[in-house]
């Protein structure tokens, strides 16, 4: 596990991680406002009018003993939304980009070996040493008729 973390740090993805943390934190504020302002009131409305919402009072008369399930549900919804957005907006596209890079590296042309280069040089030198013959121009004249 620590070896994987060390490899991650050595790959240079720390900047990607920092960007993800900043974006995740900013997005968390939006999701928290959404769940607190819209979802939590809907969950709390499931409880009776005498209680604070969806929860159980363990001891009558002591507000500290109230188990508020709406806060737990709210936090769970908040986490699921943030995790889904971070995964689909950041993690998944980065994985696809890395896969494309790997495919591009594998598909690239390989460098010629020393033997292949020497064979090519030998063939070029042999072609230069052969007597050259003059080639007549048999191409049609495309300039058109003289005026």
N, C-alpha and C. Protein backbone atom coordinates (compact mmCIF):
# COMPACT_ATOMS: atom_id res chain seq x y z
N UNK A 1 0.83 -1.19 0.00
CA UNK A 1 0.00 0.00 0.00
C UNK A 1 0.87 1.25 0.00
N UNK A 2 1.90 1.28 0.85
CA UNK A 2 2.78 2.44 0.88
C UNK A 2 3.62 2.55 -0.38
N UNK A 3 3.96 1.41 -0.98
CA UNK A 3 4.71 1.44 -2.23
C UNK A 3 3.88 2.10 -3.33
N UNK A 4 2.60 1.78 -3.37
CA UNK A 4 1.71 2.41 -4.35
C UNK A 4 1.61 3.91 -4.15
N UNK A 5 1.56 4.34 -2.88
CA UNK A 5 1.50 5.77 -2.58
C UNK A 5 2.80 6.45 -3.00
N UNK A 6 3.92 5.79 -2.74
CA UNK A 6 5.22 6.34 -3.13
C UNK A 6 5.30 6.46 -4.65
N UNK A 7 4.85 5.43 -5.37
CA UNK A 7 4.84 5.47 -6.83
C UNK A 7 3.95 6.61 -7.34
N UNK A 8 2.82 6.81 -6.67
CA UNK A 8 1.92 7.90 -7.04
C UNK A 8 2.61 9.25 -6.88
N UNK A 9 3.32 9.43 -5.77
CA UNK A 9 4.02 10.70 -5.54
C UNK A 9 5.14 10.90 -6.55
N UNK A 10 5.81 9.84 -6.91
CA UNK A 10 6.93 9.94 -7.85
C UNK A 10 6.47 10.16 -9.29
N UNK A 11 5.26 9.80 -9.62
CA UNK A 11 4.75 9.99 -10.98
C UNK A 11 4.44 11.44 -11.28
N UNK A 12 4.29 12.27 -10.29
CA UNK A 12 3.99 13.67 -10.54
C UNK A 12 2.51 13.98 -10.53
N UNK A 13 1.68 13.08 -10.03
CA UNK A 13 0.24 13.33 -9.99
C UNK A 13 -0.18 14.09 -8.76
N UNK A 14 0.76 14.61 -8.00
CA UNK A 14 0.41 15.36 -6.80
C UNK A 14 -0.34 16.63 -7.18
N UNK A 15 0.04 17.24 -8.30
CA UNK A 15 -0.66 18.44 -8.76
C UNK A 15 -2.10 18.09 -9.11
N UNK A 16 -2.31 16.96 -9.78
CA UNK A 16 -3.67 16.52 -10.10
C UNK A 16 -4.47 16.32 -8.82
N UNK A 17 -3.83 15.75 -7.82
CA UNK A 17 -4.50 15.53 -6.54
C UNK A 17 -4.87 16.86 -5.89
N UNK A 18 -3.97 17.83 -5.94
CA UNK A 18 -4.24 19.14 -5.33
C UNK A 18 -5.41 19.82 -6.04
N UNK A 19 -5.44 19.74 -7.35
CA UNK A 19 -6.55 20.33 -8.11
C UNK A 19 -7.86 19.64 -7.74
N UNK A 20 -7.83 18.33 -7.63
CA UNK A 20 -9.04 17.58 -7.26
C UNK A 20 -9.53 17.97 -5.88
N UNK A 21 -8.62 18.18 -4.94
CA UNK A 21 -9.03 18.57 -3.59
C UNK A 21 -9.68 19.95 -3.61
N UNK A 22 -9.09 20.88 -4.33
CA UNK A 22 -9.66 22.24 -4.38
C UNK A 22 -11.03 22.22 -5.04
N UNK A 23 -11.15 21.54 -6.16
CA UNK A 23 -12.44 21.47 -6.84
C UNK A 23 -13.46 20.72 -6.00
N UNK A 24 -13.02 19.63 -5.37
CA UNK A 24 -13.92 18.87 -4.51
C UNK A 24 -14.42 19.69 -3.33
N UNK A 25 -13.54 20.48 -2.74
CA UNK A 25 -13.94 21.33 -1.61
C UNK A 25 -14.94 22.39 -2.05
N UNK A 26 -14.68 23.01 -3.18
CA UNK A 26 -15.60 24.03 -3.68
C UNK A 26 -16.96 23.41 -4.03
N UNK A 27 -16.93 22.25 -4.65
CA UNK A 27 -18.18 21.61 -5.01
C UNK A 27 -18.93 21.11 -3.79
N UNK A 28 -18.20 20.70 -2.76
CA UNK A 28 -18.84 20.24 -1.52
C UNK A 28 -19.69 21.34 -0.90
N UNK A 29 -19.22 22.56 -0.97
CA UNK A 29 -20.00 23.68 -0.43
C UNK A 29 -21.34 23.81 -1.16
N UNK A 30 -21.31 23.64 -2.47
CA UNK A 30 -22.55 23.73 -3.25
C UNK A 30 -23.50 22.58 -2.89
N UNK A 31 -22.96 21.38 -2.81
CA UNK A 31 -23.80 20.22 -2.49
C UNK A 31 -24.34 20.33 -1.07
N UNK A 32 -23.53 20.80 -0.13
CA UNK A 32 -23.99 20.97 1.25
C UNK A 32 -25.14 21.96 1.31
N UNK A 33 -25.03 23.06 0.60
CA UNK A 33 -26.12 24.03 0.57
C UNK A 33 -27.38 23.40 -0.04
N UNK A 34 -27.21 22.63 -1.08
CA UNK A 34 -28.35 21.97 -1.73
C UNK A 34 -29.04 21.00 -0.77
N UNK A 35 -28.25 20.15 -0.13
CA UNK A 35 -28.86 19.14 0.75
C UNK A 35 -29.42 19.76 2.02
N UNK A 36 -28.75 20.78 2.55
CA UNK A 36 -29.24 21.42 3.78
C UNK A 36 -30.52 22.22 3.51
N UNK A 37 -30.56 22.90 2.39
CA UNK A 37 -31.70 23.77 2.10
C UNK A 37 -32.88 23.04 1.47
N UNK A 38 -32.63 21.99 0.70
CA UNK A 38 -33.72 21.34 -0.02
C UNK A 38 -34.02 19.92 0.48
N UNK A 39 -33.00 19.11 0.63
CA UNK A 39 -33.22 17.70 0.99
C UNK A 39 -33.57 17.55 2.46
N UNK A 40 -32.82 18.21 3.33
CA UNK A 40 -33.05 18.05 4.78
C UNK A 40 -34.46 18.47 5.19
N UNK A 41 -35.00 19.58 4.70
CA UNK A 41 -36.39 19.91 5.07
C UNK A 41 -37.39 18.84 4.62
N UNK A 42 -37.14 18.23 3.47
CA UNK A 42 -38.03 17.16 3.02
C UNK A 42 -37.94 15.95 3.94
N UNK A 43 -36.73 15.59 4.36
CA UNK A 43 -36.56 14.47 5.28
C UNK A 43 -37.17 14.79 6.64
N UNK A 44 -36.94 16.01 7.11
CA UNK A 44 -37.47 16.41 8.41
C UNK A 44 -38.99 16.44 8.42
N UNK A 45 -39.60 16.68 7.27
CA UNK A 45 -41.06 16.73 7.22
C UNK A 45 -41.68 15.35 7.43
N UNK A 46 -40.88 14.29 7.33
CA UNK A 46 -41.39 12.94 7.58
C UNK A 46 -41.68 12.71 9.06
N UNK A 47 -41.03 13.47 9.94
CA UNK A 47 -41.28 13.34 11.37
C UNK A 47 -42.55 14.07 11.76
N UNK A 48 -42.98 13.86 13.00
CA UNK A 48 -44.21 14.52 13.47
C UNK A 48 -43.92 15.98 13.77
N UNK A 49 -44.98 16.75 14.04
CA UNK A 49 -44.82 18.18 14.31
C UNK A 49 -44.20 18.44 15.67
N UNK A 50 -44.21 17.46 16.56
CA UNK A 50 -43.66 17.65 17.90
C UNK A 50 -42.16 17.39 17.95
N UNK A 51 -41.61 16.80 16.92
CA UNK A 51 -40.18 16.51 16.92
C UNK A 51 -39.46 17.42 15.95
N UNK A 52 -38.14 17.33 15.96
CA UNK A 52 -37.32 18.17 15.09
C UNK A 52 -37.29 17.65 13.67
N UNK A 53 -37.68 16.44 13.47
CA UNK A 53 -37.63 15.84 12.15
C UNK A 53 -37.65 14.35 12.28
N UNK A 54 -36.95 13.70 11.41
CA UNK A 54 -36.89 12.24 11.43
C UNK A 54 -35.83 11.83 12.46
N UNK A 55 -36.30 11.39 13.64
CA UNK A 55 -35.37 11.01 14.70
C UNK A 55 -36.10 10.44 15.90
N UNK A 56 -35.32 10.14 16.93
CA UNK A 56 -35.87 9.55 18.15
C UNK A 56 -35.32 10.31 19.35
N UNK A 57 -36.22 10.63 20.29
CA UNK A 57 -35.82 11.25 21.56
C UNK A 57 -35.58 10.13 22.57
N UNK A 58 -34.34 9.96 23.05
CA UNK A 58 -34.02 8.88 23.98
C UNK A 58 -34.54 9.18 25.38
N UNK A 59 -34.36 10.40 25.86
CA UNK A 59 -34.85 10.80 27.18
C UNK A 59 -35.69 12.06 27.02
N UNK A 60 -36.87 12.00 27.55
CA UNK A 60 -37.77 13.15 27.47
C UNK A 60 -37.18 14.33 28.23
N UNK A 61 -37.30 15.51 27.64
CA UNK A 61 -36.86 16.72 28.31
C UNK A 61 -35.38 17.05 28.11
N UNK A 62 -34.60 16.15 27.53
CA UNK A 62 -33.19 16.42 27.28
C UNK A 62 -32.95 16.47 25.77
N UNK A 63 -32.65 17.66 25.28
CA UNK A 63 -32.43 17.79 23.84
C UNK A 63 -31.14 17.11 23.39
N UNK A 64 -30.21 16.92 24.29
CA UNK A 64 -28.94 16.28 23.94
C UNK A 64 -29.10 14.81 23.59
N UNK A 65 -30.20 14.21 23.96
CA UNK A 65 -30.41 12.78 23.71
C UNK A 65 -31.25 12.52 22.46
N UNK A 66 -31.43 13.52 21.62
CA UNK A 66 -32.21 13.36 20.40
C UNK A 66 -31.31 12.81 19.29
N UNK A 67 -31.69 11.69 18.70
CA UNK A 67 -30.97 11.11 17.57
C UNK A 67 -31.62 11.62 16.29
N UNK A 68 -30.92 12.51 15.60
CA UNK A 68 -31.46 13.15 14.40
C UNK A 68 -30.99 12.38 13.16
N UNK A 69 -31.86 11.52 12.64
CA UNK A 69 -31.51 10.72 11.47
C UNK A 69 -31.46 11.57 10.20
N UNK A 70 -32.15 12.69 10.20
CA UNK A 70 -32.14 13.52 9.00
C UNK A 70 -30.75 14.07 8.72
N UNK A 71 -29.97 14.37 9.78
CA UNK A 71 -28.60 14.83 9.55
C UNK A 71 -27.72 13.73 8.96
N UNK A 72 -27.92 12.50 9.42
CA UNK A 72 -27.14 11.38 8.89
C UNK A 72 -27.51 11.13 7.42
N UNK A 73 -28.79 11.14 7.13
CA UNK A 73 -29.24 10.94 5.75
C UNK A 73 -28.73 12.09 4.87
N UNK A 74 -28.79 13.30 5.39
CA UNK A 74 -28.31 14.47 4.67
C UNK A 74 -26.81 14.34 4.35
N UNK A 75 -26.01 13.94 5.34
CA UNK A 75 -24.58 13.78 5.12
C UNK A 75 -24.29 12.66 4.13
N UNK A 76 -25.08 11.58 4.17
CA UNK A 76 -24.89 10.47 3.24
C UNK A 76 -25.18 10.91 1.81
N UNK A 77 -26.28 11.61 1.62
CA UNK A 77 -26.63 12.12 0.29
C UNK A 77 -25.55 13.08 -0.19
N UNK A 78 -25.08 13.94 0.70
CA UNK A 78 -24.01 14.88 0.38
C UNK A 78 -22.77 14.14 -0.11
N UNK A 79 -22.37 13.10 0.62
CA UNK A 79 -21.18 12.33 0.26
C UNK A 79 -21.36 11.65 -1.09
N UNK A 80 -22.50 11.03 -1.32
CA UNK A 80 -22.74 10.30 -2.56
C UNK A 80 -22.69 11.25 -3.76
N UNK A 81 -23.30 12.41 -3.63
CA UNK A 81 -23.29 13.37 -4.74
C UNK A 81 -21.88 13.85 -5.03
N UNK A 82 -21.13 14.24 -3.99
CA UNK A 82 -19.76 14.73 -4.20
C UNK A 82 -18.88 13.63 -4.78
N UNK A 83 -18.98 12.42 -4.25
CA UNK A 83 -18.16 11.31 -4.75
C UNK A 83 -18.48 11.00 -6.21
N UNK A 84 -19.75 11.02 -6.57
CA UNK A 84 -20.13 10.73 -7.96
C UNK A 84 -19.60 11.81 -8.90
N UNK A 85 -19.73 13.07 -8.52
CA UNK A 85 -19.25 14.14 -9.38
C UNK A 85 -17.74 14.10 -9.52
N UNK A 86 -17.03 13.91 -8.42
CA UNK A 86 -15.56 13.84 -8.50
C UNK A 86 -15.14 12.67 -9.38
N UNK A 87 -15.81 11.54 -9.25
CA UNK A 87 -15.45 10.37 -10.06
C UNK A 87 -15.72 10.62 -11.54
N UNK A 88 -16.93 11.07 -11.87
CA UNK A 88 -17.30 11.21 -13.27
C UNK A 88 -16.69 12.43 -13.94
N UNK A 89 -16.37 13.47 -13.18
CA UNK A 89 -15.82 14.68 -13.78
C UNK A 89 -14.29 14.68 -13.77
N UNK A 90 -13.68 14.08 -12.76
CA UNK A 90 -12.22 14.12 -12.66
C UNK A 90 -11.56 12.77 -12.91
N UNK A 91 -11.94 11.76 -12.16
CA UNK A 91 -11.22 10.49 -12.19
C UNK A 91 -11.40 9.77 -13.52
N UNK A 92 -12.62 9.60 -13.97
CA UNK A 92 -12.89 8.85 -15.20
C UNK A 92 -12.24 9.50 -16.43
N UNK A 93 -12.38 10.82 -16.63
CA UNK A 93 -11.70 11.42 -17.79
C UNK A 93 -10.18 11.29 -17.73
N UNK A 94 -9.59 11.42 -16.55
CA UNK A 94 -8.14 11.29 -16.43
C UNK A 94 -7.71 9.87 -16.78
N UNK A 95 -8.47 8.87 -16.35
CA UNK A 95 -8.15 7.49 -16.69
C UNK A 95 -8.22 7.26 -18.20
N UNK A 96 -9.22 7.83 -18.84
CA UNK A 96 -9.35 7.67 -20.29
C UNK A 96 -8.20 8.35 -21.03
N UNK A 97 -7.78 9.52 -20.55
CA UNK A 97 -6.66 10.22 -21.16
C UNK A 97 -5.38 9.39 -21.02
N UNK A 98 -5.17 8.81 -19.84
CA UNK A 98 -3.98 7.99 -19.63
C UNK A 98 -4.01 6.75 -20.51
N UNK A 99 -5.17 6.14 -20.71
CA UNK A 99 -5.28 4.98 -21.60
C UNK A 99 -4.95 5.37 -23.04
N UNK A 100 -5.42 6.54 -23.48
CA UNK A 100 -5.11 7.01 -24.84
C UNK A 100 -3.62 7.24 -25.01
N UNK A 101 -2.98 7.81 -23.99
CA UNK A 101 -1.53 8.03 -24.06
C UNK A 101 -0.79 6.71 -24.18
N UNK A 102 -1.21 5.72 -23.40
CA UNK A 102 -0.55 4.42 -23.46
C UNK A 102 -0.72 3.79 -24.84
N UNK A 103 -1.92 3.88 -25.39
CA UNK A 103 -2.16 3.33 -26.72
C UNK A 103 -1.34 4.07 -27.77
N UNK A 104 -1.20 5.38 -27.63
CA UNK A 104 -0.43 6.18 -28.57
C UNK A 104 1.05 5.84 -28.52
N UNK A 105 1.58 5.56 -27.34
CA UNK A 105 2.99 5.20 -27.22
C UNK A 105 3.26 3.84 -27.85
N UNK A 106 2.35 2.91 -27.67
CA UNK A 106 2.55 1.58 -28.21
C UNK A 106 2.41 1.57 -29.73
N UNK A 107 1.56 2.43 -30.28
CA UNK A 107 1.30 2.43 -31.70
C UNK A 107 2.34 3.22 -32.48
N UNK A 108 3.21 3.97 -31.83
CA UNK A 108 4.19 4.81 -32.50
C UNK A 108 5.22 3.98 -33.26
N UNK A 109 5.82 4.59 -34.30
CA UNK A 109 6.82 3.85 -35.07
C UNK A 109 8.07 3.62 -34.22
N UNK A 110 8.66 2.45 -34.40
CA UNK A 110 9.85 2.13 -33.63
C UNK A 110 11.07 2.68 -34.36
N UNK A 111 12.11 2.95 -33.62
CA UNK A 111 13.36 3.44 -34.19
C UNK A 111 14.03 2.31 -34.95
N UNK A 112 14.63 2.62 -36.12
CA UNK A 112 15.33 1.56 -36.85
C UNK A 112 16.59 1.14 -36.09
N UNK A 113 16.91 -0.12 -36.20
CA UNK A 113 18.10 -0.64 -35.53
C UNK A 113 19.34 -0.24 -36.32
N UNK A 114 20.50 -0.42 -35.71
CA UNK A 114 21.77 -0.09 -36.38
C UNK A 114 21.95 -0.93 -37.64
N UNK A 115 21.58 -2.18 -37.57
CA UNK A 115 21.72 -3.07 -38.73
C UNK A 115 20.85 -2.58 -39.88
N UNK A 116 19.61 -2.18 -39.58
CA UNK A 116 18.72 -1.68 -40.63
C UNK A 116 19.27 -0.41 -41.26
N UNK A 117 19.84 0.48 -40.45
CA UNK A 117 20.43 1.70 -40.99
C UNK A 117 21.63 1.40 -41.87
N UNK A 118 22.47 0.47 -41.45
CA UNK A 118 23.64 0.11 -42.26
C UNK A 118 23.24 -0.52 -43.58
N UNK A 119 22.21 -1.36 -43.57
CA UNK A 119 21.73 -1.97 -44.81
C UNK A 119 21.20 -0.89 -45.75
N UNK A 120 20.49 0.08 -45.22
CA UNK A 120 19.95 1.17 -46.05
C UNK A 120 21.08 1.99 -46.65
N UNK A 121 22.11 2.30 -45.85
CA UNK A 121 23.26 3.07 -46.36
C UNK A 121 23.98 2.28 -47.45
N UNK A 122 24.17 0.97 -47.25
CA UNK A 122 24.83 0.12 -48.24
C UNK A 122 24.06 0.14 -49.56
N UNK A 123 22.73 0.03 -49.47
CA UNK A 123 21.92 0.02 -50.68
C UNK A 123 22.00 1.35 -51.42
N UNK A 124 22.01 2.46 -50.66
CA UNK A 124 22.11 3.78 -51.30
C UNK A 124 23.47 3.96 -51.97
N UNK A 125 24.55 3.52 -51.33
CA UNK A 125 25.88 3.62 -51.93
C UNK A 125 25.98 2.76 -53.17
N UNK A 126 25.40 1.59 -53.14
CA UNK A 126 25.43 0.70 -54.31
C UNK A 126 24.65 1.32 -55.46
N UNK A 127 23.56 1.98 -55.17
CA UNK A 127 22.77 2.61 -56.23
C UNK A 127 23.51 3.78 -56.84
N UNK A 128 24.32 4.49 -56.05
CA UNK A 128 25.07 5.64 -56.57
C UNK A 128 26.24 5.19 -57.45
N UNK A 129 26.81 4.04 -57.22
CA UNK A 129 27.97 3.58 -57.98
C UNK A 129 27.58 2.99 -59.32
N UNK A 130 26.34 2.66 -59.55
CA UNK A 130 25.90 2.12 -60.84
C UNK A 130 25.89 3.26 -61.85
N UNK A 131 26.22 2.96 -63.12
CA UNK A 131 26.23 4.03 -64.13
C UNK A 131 24.82 4.58 -64.32
N UNK A 132 24.75 5.89 -64.38
CA UNK A 132 23.45 6.53 -64.54
C UNK A 132 23.13 6.66 -66.01
N UNK A 133 21.89 6.50 -66.36
CA UNK A 133 21.44 6.66 -67.73
C UNK A 133 20.57 7.89 -67.78
N UNK A 134 20.61 8.56 -68.90
CA UNK A 134 19.78 9.75 -69.05
C UNK A 134 18.36 9.32 -69.37
N UNK A 135 17.45 9.98 -68.76
CA UNK A 135 16.05 9.66 -68.94
C UNK A 135 15.42 10.78 -69.75
N UNK A 136 14.74 10.42 -70.84
CA UNK A 136 14.06 11.43 -71.64
C UNK A 136 12.76 11.82 -70.96
N UNK A 137 12.45 13.10 -71.11
CA UNK A 137 11.21 13.61 -70.53
C UNK A 137 10.07 13.23 -71.46
N UNK A 138 9.21 12.34 -70.99
CA UNK A 138 8.08 11.91 -71.81
C UNK A 138 6.76 12.46 -71.27
N UNK A 139 6.86 13.38 -70.35
CA UNK A 139 5.64 13.95 -69.76
C UNK A 139 5.01 14.91 -70.75
N UNK A 140 3.68 14.94 -70.82
CA UNK A 140 3.01 15.87 -71.74
C UNK A 140 3.19 17.31 -71.29
N UNK A 141 3.20 18.21 -72.29
CA UNK A 141 3.35 19.64 -72.00
C UNK A 141 2.02 20.17 -71.52
N UNK A 142 1.98 20.66 -70.30
CA UNK A 142 0.71 21.13 -69.71
C UNK A 142 0.56 22.64 -69.78
N UNK A 143 1.48 23.29 -70.46
CA UNK A 143 1.39 24.75 -70.53
C UNK A 143 0.32 25.21 -71.51
N UNK A 144 -0.07 24.38 -72.38
CA UNK A 144 -1.09 24.75 -73.34
C UNK A 144 -0.46 25.28 -74.62
N UNK A 145 -1.27 25.63 -75.61
CA UNK A 145 -0.73 26.10 -76.89
C UNK A 145 -0.09 27.48 -76.73
N UNK A 146 0.95 27.72 -77.53
CA UNK A 146 1.64 29.01 -77.51
C UNK A 146 0.78 30.04 -78.23
N UNK A 147 0.77 31.23 -77.72
CA UNK A 147 -0.06 32.27 -78.31
C UNK A 147 0.78 33.26 -79.04
